Amino acid sequence: MLRAGELQAALEIYEDELAFFRRLVAADASDVHARRGVTICYERLGDVALRQDRIEAAKAYYQDGLEMRRRLVDARPGDVRARRELTVFCERLLPRHVNCTTALPETDPKHM
């Protein structure tokens, strides 16, 4: 569990990581690992903002992460890992009142 002083340091680290992964995505939008890195940073930034009682900022980070995860699934419908990560992310967000109501895309049996 992070203490108050550590929260600010974590926030700065996650913001730096987010900038790094965004640069990678800008250089190669097809880089799944970089796009996944962006989603993880959004999740961590949301967690820190929530711990700092910055509820609206946390929701915004979580919503951005959710949208990126949805785009990963849309871009690679056969990627079981991406689908699972989206599902787990949604399960984590439900208690945080983030809009996670959009259903997962239909699964094409050819991709299973």
C-alpha atoms as a PDB file:
ATOM      1  CA  MET A   1       0.000   0.000   0.000  1.00  0.00           C
ATOM      2  CA  LEU A   2       1.440   3.354  -1.041  1.00  0.00           C
ATOM      3  CA  ARG A   3       1.646   6.245   1.405  1.00  0.00           C
ATOM      4  CA  ALA A   4       0.692   9.816   0.477  1.00  0.00           C
ATOM      5  CA  GLY A   5       4.238  10.856  -0.472  1.00  0.00           C
ATOM      6  CA  GLU A   6       4.698   7.730  -2.503  1.00  0.00           C
ATOM      7  CA  LEU A   7       1.451   8.372  -4.381  1.00  0.00           C
ATOM      8  CA  GLN A   8       2.859  11.531  -5.950  1.00  0.00           C
ATOM      9  CA  ALA A   9       6.051   9.712  -6.943  1.00  0.00           C
ATOM     10  CA  ALA A  10       3.997   6.853  -8.419  1.00  0.00           C
ATOM     11  CA  LEU A  11       1.857   9.351 -10.318  1.00  0.00           C
ATOM     12  CA  GLU A  12       4.945  10.912 -11.873  1.00  0.00           C
ATOM     13  CA  ILE A  13       6.405   7.534 -12.815  1.00  0.00           C
ATOM     14  CA  TYR A  14       3.145   6.364 -14.412  1.00  0.00           C
ATOM     15  CA  GLU A  15       2.796   9.657 -16.316  1.00  0.00           C
ATOM     16  CA  ASP A  16       6.338   9.190 -17.667  1.00  0.00           C
ATOM     17  CA  GLU A  17       5.550   5.595 -18.637  1.00  0.00           C
ATOM     18  CA  LEU A  18       2.351   6.705 -20.348  1.00  0.00           C
ATOM     19  CA  ALA A  19       4.279   9.294 -22.370  1.00  0.00           C
ATOM     20  CA  PHE A  20       6.824   6.622 -23.328  1.00  0.00           C
ATOM     21  CA  PHE A  21       4.184   4.137 -24.500  1.00  0.00           C
ATOM     22  CA  ARG A  22       2.280   6.867 -26.359  1.00  0.00           C
ATOM     23  CA  ARG A  23       5.465   7.696 -28.287  1.00  0.00           C
ATOM     24  CA  LEU A  24       5.841   4.018 -29.185  1.00  0.00           C
ATOM     25  CA  VAL A  25       2.226   3.847 -30.376  1.00  0.00           C
ATOM     26  CA  ALA A  26       2.692   7.054 -32.384  1.00  0.00           C
ATOM     27  CA  ALA A  27       5.707   5.472 -34.089  1.00  0.00           C
ATOM     28  CA  ASP A  28       3.902   2.181 -34.772  1.00  0.00           C
ATOM     29  CA  ALA A  29       0.153   2.029 -34.145  1.00  0.00           C
ATOM     30  CA  SER A  30       0.172  -1.720 -34.784  1.00  0.00           C
ATOM     31  CA  ASP A  31       2.497  -2.365 -31.813  1.00  0.00           C
ATOM     32  CA  VAL A  32       0.167  -4.358 -29.556  1.00  0.00           C
ATOM     33  CA  HIS A  33       2.638  -4.386 -26.680  1.00  0.00           C
ATOM     34  CA  ALA A  34       2.927  -0.596 -26.685  1.00  0.00           C
ATOM     35  CA  ARG A  35      -0.851  -0.202 -26.867  1.00  0.00           C
ATOM     36  CA  ARG A  36      -1.209  -2.645 -23.991  1.00  0.00           C
ATOM     37  CA  GLY A  37       1.365  -0.592 -22.073  1.00  0.00           C
ATOM     38  CA  VAL A  38      -0.814   2.496 -22.540  1.00  0.00           C
ATOM     39  CA  THR A  39      -3.808   0.678 -21.070  1.00  0.00           C
ATOM     40  CA  ILE A  40      -1.822  -0.482 -18.045  1.00  0.00           C
ATOM     41  CA  CYS A  41      -0.604   3.074 -17.414  1.00  0.00           C
ATOM     42  CA  TYR A  42      -4.167   4.402 -17.560  1.00  0.00           C
ATOM     43  CA  GLU A  43      -5.241   1.773 -15.052  1.00  0.00           C
ATOM     44  CA  ARG A  44      -2.391   2.588 -12.679  1.00  0.00           C
ATOM     45  CA  LEU A  45      -2.954   6.334 -13.018  1.00  0.00           C
ATOM     46  CA  GLY A  46      -6.614   5.759 -12.238  1.00  0.00           C
ATOM     47  CA  ASP A  47      -5.696   3.762  -9.155  1.00  0.00           C
ATOM     48  CA  VAL A  48      -3.397   6.533  -7.908  1.00  0.00           C
ATOM     49  CA  ALA A  49      -5.961   9.258  -8.614  1.00  0.00           C
ATOM     50  CA  LEU A  50      -8.572   7.250  -6.749  1.00  0.00           C
ATOM     51  CA  ARG A  51      -6.244   6.899  -3.745  1.00  0.00           C
ATOM     52  CA  GLN A  52      -5.742  10.684  -3.855  1.00  0.00           C
ATOM     53  CA  ASP A  53      -9.539  11.169  -3.793  1.00  0.00           C
ATOM     54  CA  ARG A  54      -9.458  12.654  -7.293  1.00  0.00           C
ATOM     55  CA  ILE A  55     -12.530  10.707  -8.342  1.00  0.00           C
ATOM     56  CA  GLU A  56     -13.232  12.447 -11.650  1.00  0.00           C
ATOM     57  CA  ALA A  57      -9.599  12.127 -12.731  1.00  0.00           C
ATOM     58  CA  ALA A  58      -9.660   8.428 -11.816  1.00  0.00           C
ATOM     59  CA  LYS A  59     -12.823   7.891 -13.848  1.00  0.00           C
ATOM     60  CA  ALA A  60     -11.253   9.658 -16.832  1.00  0.00           C
ATOM     61  CA  TYR A  61      -8.123   7.487 -16.657  1.00  0.00           C
ATOM     62  CA  TYR A  62     -10.181   4.323 -16.314  1.00  0.00           C
ATOM     63  CA  GLN A  63     -12.445   5.343 -19.193  1.00  0.00           C
ATOM     64  CA  ASP A  64      -9.418   6.035 -21.424  1.00  0.00           C
ATOM     65  CA  GLY A  65      -7.952   2.644 -20.523  1.00  0.00           C
ATOM     66  CA  LEU A  66     -11.252   0.956 -21.210  1.00  0.00           C
ATOM     67  CA  GLU A  67     -11.555   2.556 -24.641  1.00  0.00           C
ATOM     68  CA  MET A  68      -8.003   1.529 -25.540  1.00  0.00           C
ATOM     69  CA  ARG A  69      -8.669  -2.051 -24.430  1.00  0.00           C
ATOM     70  CA  ARG A  70     -11.838  -2.112 -26.541  1.00  0.00           C
ATOM     71  CA  ARG A  71      -9.873  -0.904 -29.568  1.00  0.00           C
ATOM     72  CA  LEU A  72      -7.316  -3.667 -28.992  1.00  0.00           C
ATOM     73  CA  VAL A  73     -10.091  -6.261 -29.034  1.00  0.00           C
ATOM     74  CA  ASP A  74     -11.721  -4.701 -32.101  1.00  0.00           C
ATOM     75  CA  ALA A  75      -8.402  -4.684 -33.964  1.00  0.00           C
ATOM     76  CA  ARG A  76      -7.582  -8.289 -33.076  1.00  0.00           C
ATOM     77  CA  PRO A  77     -10.819 -10.213 -32.518  1.00  0.00           C
ATOM     78  CA  GLY A  78      -8.969 -13.509 -32.233  1.00  0.00           C
ATOM     79  CA  ASP A  79      -6.657 -12.266 -29.495  1.00  0.00           C
ATOM     80  CA  VAL A  80      -7.925 -14.177 -26.482  1.00  0.00           C
ATOM     81  CA  ARG A  81      -5.521 -12.377 -24.155  1.00  0.00           C
ATOM     82  CA  ALA A  82      -6.869  -8.957 -25.190  1.00  0.00           C
ATOM     83  CA  ARG A  83     -10.452 -10.134 -24.688  1.00  0.00           C
ATOM     84  CA  ARG A  84      -9.630 -11.554 -21.267  1.00  0.00           C
ATOM     85  CA  GLU A  85      -7.820  -8.377 -20.207  1.00  0.00           C
ATOM     86  CA  LEU A  86     -10.840  -6.306 -21.266  1.00  0.00           C
ATOM     87  CA  THR A  87     -13.141  -8.540 -19.244  1.00  0.00           C
ATOM     88  CA  VAL A  88     -10.903  -8.382 -16.159  1.00  0.00           C
ATOM     89  CA  PHE A  89     -10.575  -4.623 -16.522  1.00  0.00           C
ATOM     90  CA  CYS A  90     -14.370  -4.273 -16.673  1.00  0.00           C
ATOM     91  CA  GLU A  91     -14.763  -6.444 -13.581  1.00  0.00           C
ATOM     92  CA  ARG A  92     -12.308  -4.190 -11.715  1.00  0.00           C
ATOM     93  CA  LEU A  93     -14.129  -1.059 -12.843  1.00  0.00           C
ATOM     94  CA  LEU A  94     -17.652  -2.054 -11.885  1.00  0.00           C
ATOM     95  CA  PRO A  95     -17.255  -1.029  -8.234  1.00  0.00           C
ATOM     96  CA  ARG A  96     -15.734   2.278  -9.393  1.00  0.00           C
ATOM     97  CA  HIS A  97     -18.866   3.312 -11.314  1.00  0.00           C
ATOM     98  CA  VAL A  98     -17.082   3.627 -14.640  1.00  0.00           C
ATOM     99  CA  ASN A  99     -19.208   3.012 -17.702  1.00  0.00           C
ATOM    100  CA  CYS A 100     -18.297  -0.499 -18.694  1.00  0.00           C
ATOM    101  CA  THR A 101     -21.699  -1.459 -20.030  1.00  0.00           C
ATOM    102  CA  THR A 102     -20.762  -1.908 -23.675  1.00  0.00           C
ATOM    103  CA  ALA A 103     -20.711  -5.611 -24.345  1.00  0.00           C
ATOM    104  CA  LEU A 104     -17.710  -7.373 -25.724  1.00  0.00           C
ATOM    105  CA  PRO A 105     -17.753  -7.790 -29.477  1.00  0.00           C
ATOM    106  CA  GLU A 106     -19.214 -11.047 -30.700  1.00  0.00           C
ATOM    107  CA  THR A 107     -16.650 -13.801 -30.937  1.00  0.00           C
ATOM    108  CA  ASP A 108     -16.165 -15.335 -34.318  1.00  0.00           C
ATOM    109  CA  PRO A 109     -15.777 -19.096 -33.759  1.00  0.00           C
ATOM    110  CA  LYS A 110     -12.973 -19.097 -36.363  1.00  0.00           C
ATOM    111  CA  HIS A 111     -10.888 -17.045 -33.929  1.00  0.00           C
ATOM    112  CA  MET A 112     -11.329 -19.337 -30.946  1.00  0.00           C
END
